[in-house]
């Protein structure tokens, strides 16, 4: 008698591993933050180069910038705006690469979100230390508060879901 060997798939094979899913909302937050920070940085640079003029509805945003010394890009833009532009670039890259569920992108996202939360926290602390500097009707103040809150929530969400990125 000959033994017939079954070389086909076994009924004892394990199911395929579940497909990893990235956090779609955190990815979109990073992409949105990246795009807005990059666009603002580009507009700041074009305004400094006098290629664009400031629209009427954005005058309040640039009043402080216009009061600084003209000519020096670091006085016009400020280090915070330059850092935000660089963060925006990396946030855009990180948000797009998190869709591939890359562990290094997870680490970059933690750095970007914690830095953005820190920048927002710094501004809020300044508002509390000098209450007259905070104007509730000045719309960029709301952007600072919302972006800081979203960055903090995204940071903790990534920490809670870290096992899915390993």
Foldseek 3Di string as FASTA:
>chain_A
DDDDDDPDDDPPDDDDDDDFAFDLVLLVLLQVLLVVLQVVLVVLVCVLVVVDPDDPVCCVVQVCLVPFDHDDSCRNCPPVSVVSNVLSNLSNVLSVCCRVLALVSLVNLLVSLVVLLVVLVVVVVVCVVPVVVDDPPPVVNVVSVVSNVSSVVSNVVSVVVVVSSD
